[in-house]
C-alpha cells in the first residue's frame, strides 16, 4: 500500500483577501490540520484587553502553552478593535517568538488523524514553513477586501462604517508590509493568487488544480 504524502501548505495573504477561508477549504478537502495564525495574535490582543494588569510575558507564555484551537474560534476575536491591537502586538519580537513555537508544532506535528497541515498568516512561507510542499500568496484589491470585511462585520453589528473598515485595512496593510520583524512579503517560490474577481469556490478550485497536479 502506497504511503500517503505528508502535505504542508503555507498561505500568506493580505487582510481580508481570503487566506483564512481558503485554508479552511483546502484543509477540509485534503484532511489537513488547519491553523489561522492571525487568530493567535487576535487571541493575545483579547487577553490584553480583558486582563491589562495581568498581561505580561510570563502570563502570556503560560496561556500559549495551554492554547487549544477551539479558543481561537470565539467571535469576540473578530472585532476591528481586536484586529488593530493584534496588528500592534504582532510587531513585538518577544511575543512573535512565543507564537512561532506553537505554529511550528502545529505545522510539523499535527494530530495523527490528519494528512498534513495548512497554515495561513503573514509570514508562514518566510518564517514558519519555508520548505512547505505548497506556497501561496493571496491578494486582492483594497476596495474589494474592504467590502468583504464590511459585509462580514455587518452581520455582527449594524454600527459599521465602510470607510472606517477600509481605513482599518489600509492601516493593517501598512503595518503588515512595513513592520521590522517578519513583514508580509511575496517570495519567488509562492504561487500568486489574486482573489479580486474570484468567488470562494473558484479560488479554491484554482488552488486545488495546482495541488492535484503535484500530488497525483
Protein backbone atom coordinates (compact mmCIF):
# COMPACT_ATOMS: atom_id res chain seq x y z
CA UNK A 1 0.00 0.00 0.00
CA UNK A 2 1.37 3.37 -1.04
CA UNK A 3 2.13 5.63 1.91
CA UNK A 4 0.24 8.93 1.85
CA UNK A 5 2.34 12.05 1.38
CA UNK A 6 2.62 14.42 4.34
CA UNK A 7 1.15 17.59 2.83
CA UNK A 8 2.27 21.02 4.03
CA UNK A 9 0.62 24.19 2.76
CA UNK A 10 1.82 27.71 3.55
CA UNK A 11 -0.55 30.58 2.79
CA UNK A 12 0.39 34.22 3.20
CA UNK A 13 -2.28 36.79 2.45
CA UNK A 14 -3.29 40.39 2.77
CA UNK A 15 -6.00 41.22 5.33
CA UNK A 16 -9.43 40.03 4.11
CA UNK A 17 -8.02 38.68 0.84
CA UNK A 18 -9.40 35.21 1.59
CA UNK A 19 -6.39 33.40 3.04
CA UNK A 20 -8.26 32.09 6.07
CA UNK A 21 -11.24 30.93 4.03
CA UNK A 22 -9.05 29.09 1.52
CA UNK A 23 -7.00 27.48 4.31
CA UNK A 24 -10.23 26.02 5.74
CA UNK A 25 -11.45 24.76 2.35
CA UNK A 26 -8.07 23.22 1.49
CA UNK A 27 -7.79 21.61 4.92
CA UNK A 28 -11.25 20.11 4.73
CA UNK A 29 -10.68 18.68 1.24
CA UNK A 30 -7.24 17.18 1.90
CA UNK A 31 -7.80 16.36 5.61
CA UNK A 32 -5.15 18.78 6.86
CA UNK A 33 -4.71 20.37 10.26
CA UNK A 34 -5.74 24.00 9.81
CA UNK A 35 -4.31 26.95 11.71
CA UNK A 36 -5.21 30.59 11.10
CA UNK A 37 -2.13 32.11 12.72
CA UNK A 38 -3.59 35.61 12.75
CA UNK A 39 -6.19 34.36 15.22
CA UNK A 40 -3.37 33.69 17.72
CA UNK A 41 -2.42 37.37 17.71
CA UNK A 42 -6.10 38.28 17.99
CA UNK A 43 -6.36 35.92 20.98
CA UNK A 44 -3.36 37.65 22.58
CA UNK A 45 -4.95 41.04 21.88
CA UNK A 46 -8.16 39.82 23.52
CA UNK A 47 -6.17 38.72 26.61
CA UNK A 48 -4.51 42.13 26.78
CA UNK A 49 -7.84 43.94 26.60
CA UNK A 50 -9.50 41.60 29.11
CA UNK A 51 -6.64 41.44 31.65
CA UNK A 52 -4.41 44.51 31.15
CA UNK A 53 -2.96 44.28 34.69
CA UNK A 54 -2.05 40.59 34.37
CA UNK A 55 -0.79 40.87 30.81
CA UNK A 56 2.93 40.25 30.52
CA UNK A 57 5.50 37.85 29.07
CA UNK A 58 5.17 35.02 31.62
CA UNK A 59 1.39 35.29 31.80
CA UNK A 60 1.28 35.06 28.01
CA UNK A 61 3.77 32.19 27.90
CA UNK A 62 1.54 30.08 30.16
CA UNK A 63 -1.54 30.90 28.07
CA UNK A 64 0.14 29.98 24.76
CA UNK A 65 1.44 26.72 26.27
CA UNK A 66 -2.14 25.68 27.09
CA UNK A 67 -3.73 27.15 23.96
CA UNK A 68 -6.28 24.99 22.15
CA UNK A 69 -7.58 25.61 18.62
CA UNK A 70 -11.14 25.85 19.96
CA UNK A 71 -10.15 29.01 21.87
CA UNK A 72 -9.41 30.72 18.54
CA UNK A 73 -12.97 30.28 17.28
CA UNK A 74 -14.59 32.92 19.50
CA UNK A 75 -16.45 35.70 17.65
CA UNK A 76 -15.06 38.13 20.23
CA UNK A 77 -11.73 37.91 18.36
CA UNK A 78 -13.20 39.23 15.10
CA UNK A 79 -13.85 42.88 16.01
CA UNK A 80 -11.93 45.70 14.34
CA UNK A 81 -10.66 46.86 17.76
CA UNK A 82 -9.12 43.46 18.49
CA UNK A 83 -7.67 43.40 14.97
CA UNK A 84 -5.98 46.77 15.50
CA UNK A 85 -4.50 45.70 18.86
CA UNK A 86 -3.33 42.42 17.30
CA UNK A 87 -1.58 44.28 14.49
CA UNK A 88 0.46 46.24 17.05
CA UNK A 89 1.19 43.14 19.16
CA UNK A 90 2.45 41.31 16.06
CA UNK A 91 5.33 43.82 15.84
CA UNK A 92 6.83 42.64 19.16
CA UNK A 93 9.60 40.11 18.60
CA UNK A 94 9.40 38.54 22.07
CA UNK A 95 5.72 37.75 21.52
CA UNK A 96 6.36 36.50 17.99
CA UNK A 97 8.96 34.04 19.28
CA UNK A 98 6.40 32.55 21.67
CA UNK A 99 3.89 32.21 18.85
CA UNK A 100 6.47 30.72 16.45
CA UNK A 101 6.97 27.65 18.67
CA UNK A 102 3.23 26.98 18.74
CA UNK A 103 2.91 27.46 14.98
CA UNK A 104 5.85 25.18 14.10
CA UNK A 105 4.46 22.46 16.36
CA UNK A 106 1.10 22.69 14.57
CA UNK A 107 2.79 22.66 11.15
CA UNK A 108 5.02 19.63 11.60
CA UNK A 109 3.39 17.66 14.41
CA UNK A 110 -0.37 17.79 13.79
CA UNK A 111 -2.62 15.09 15.34
CA UNK A 112 -2.10 11.72 13.60
CA UNK A 113 -5.58 11.68 12.06
CA UNK A 114 -4.53 14.45 9.65
CA UNK A 115 -2.56 14.02 6.40
CA UNK A 116 -0.57 17.18 6.98
CA UNK A 117 -1.10 20.84 7.81
CA UNK A 118 -2.19 24.13 6.29
CA UNK A 119 -1.19 27.40 7.95
CA UNK A 120 -2.41 30.85 6.96
CA UNK A 121 -0.86 34.14 8.06
CA UNK A 122 1.59 36.84 7.08
CA UNK A 123 5.00 35.17 7.49
CA UNK A 124 4.24 31.47 7.01
CA UNK A 125 6.47 31.00 3.95
CA UNK A 126 9.28 33.27 5.12
CA UNK A 127 9.43 32.20 8.76
CA UNK A 128 7.34 29.18 9.76
CA UNK A 129 7.23 26.80 6.76
CA UNK A 130 9.94 27.82 4.26
CA UNK A 131 10.10 24.22 2.99
CA UNK A 132 6.34 23.70 2.65
CA UNK A 133 5.22 21.50 -0.27
CA UNK A 134 2.84 24.26 -1.45
CA UNK A 135 3.25 28.01 -1.00
CA UNK A 136 0.60 30.55 -1.93
CA UNK A 137 0.35 34.34 -1.70
CA UNK A 138 -3.25 35.58 -1.81
CA UNK A 139 -4.03 39.23 -2.57
CA UNK A 140 -7.00 41.33 -3.70
CA UNK A 141 -7.94 44.92 -4.50
CA UNK A 142 -8.26 47.07 -1.35
CA UNK A 143 -11.87 48.10 -2.06
CA UNK A 144 -12.95 44.51 -2.62
CA UNK A 145 -11.26 43.43 0.62
CA UNK A 146 -12.92 46.29 2.48
CA UNK A 147 -16.33 45.32 1.08
CA UNK A 148 -15.85 41.68 2.13
CA UNK A 149 -14.83 42.71 5.63
CA UNK A 150 -17.66 45.26 5.86
CA UNK A 151 -20.29 42.64 4.97
CA UNK A 152 -18.76 40.21 7.46
CA UNK A 153 -18.89 42.79 10.27
CA UNK A 154 -22.36 43.94 9.24
CA UNK A 155 -23.69 40.51 10.20
CA UNK A 156 -22.43 41.02 13.75
CA UNK A 157 -23.30 44.69 14.19
CA UNK A 158 -25.37 47.36 12.44
CA UNK A 159 -22.96 50.12 13.58
CA UNK A 160 -20.38 49.59 10.86
CA UNK A 161 -18.93 52.19 8.50
CA UNK A 162 -17.49 51.07 5.15
CA UNK A 163 -14.99 53.96 5.14
CA UNK A 164 -13.75 53.06 8.61
CA UNK A 165 -13.39 49.42 7.61
CA UNK A 166 -11.36 50.38 4.53
CA UNK A 167 -9.17 52.73 6.57
CA UNK A 168 -8.59 49.95 9.12
CA UNK A 169 -7.48 47.52 6.41
CA UNK A 170 -5.18 50.17 4.87
CA UNK A 171 -3.52 50.67 8.27
CA UNK A 172 -3.18 46.92 8.76
CA UNK A 173 -1.60 46.60 5.31
CA UNK A 174 0.91 49.29 6.19
CA UNK A 175 1.70 47.57 9.48
CA UNK A 176 1.96 44.10 7.88
CA UNK A 177 4.19 45.17 4.99
CA UNK A 178 6.41 47.64 6.87
CA UNK A 179 6.94 46.08 10.32
CA UNK A 180 10.54 45.34 11.24
CA UNK A 181 10.07 41.71 12.23
CA UNK A 182 8.62 39.17 9.77
CA UNK A 183 6.81 41.59 7.42
CA UNK A 184 4.35 40.35 4.83
CA UNK A 185 6.14 39.86 1.53
CA UNK A 186 5.88 37.69 -1.53
CA UNK A 187 8.66 35.17 -2.25
CA UNK A 188 9.75 33.86 -5.66
CA UNK A 189 8.55 30.32 -4.91
CA UNK A 190 5.00 31.32 -3.93
CA UNK A 191 2.10 30.97 -6.37
CA UNK A 192 0.28 34.31 -6.60
CA UNK A 193 -3.50 34.09 -6.34
CA UNK A 194 -5.41 37.33 -6.95
CA UNK A 195 -8.86 36.71 -5.48
CA UNK A 196 -10.37 40.07 -6.54
CA UNK A 197 -12.59 38.58 -9.25
CA UNK A 198 -12.86 35.05 -7.86
CA UNK A 199 -15.63 33.55 -5.75
CA UNK A 200 -14.58 31.44 -2.75
CA UNK A 201 -15.26 28.29 -4.76
CA UNK A 202 -13.42 29.49 -7.88
CA UNK A 203 -10.41 30.46 -5.78
CA UNK A 204 -10.39 27.06 -4.08
CA UNK A 205 -10.66 25.20 -7.40
CA UNK A 206 -7.71 27.18 -8.78
CA UNK A 207 -5.60 26.18 -5.78
CA UNK A 208 -6.86 22.59 -5.93
CA UNK A 209 -5.80 22.23 -9.57
CA UNK A 210 -2.27 23.34 -8.67
CA UNK A 211 -2.08 20.95 -5.73
CA UNK A 212 -3.58 17.95 -7.52
CA UNK A 213 -1.12 18.31 -10.38
CA UNK A 214 1.77 17.79 -7.95
CA UNK A 215 0.08 15.20 -5.73
CA UNK A 216 -1.19 12.89 -8.47
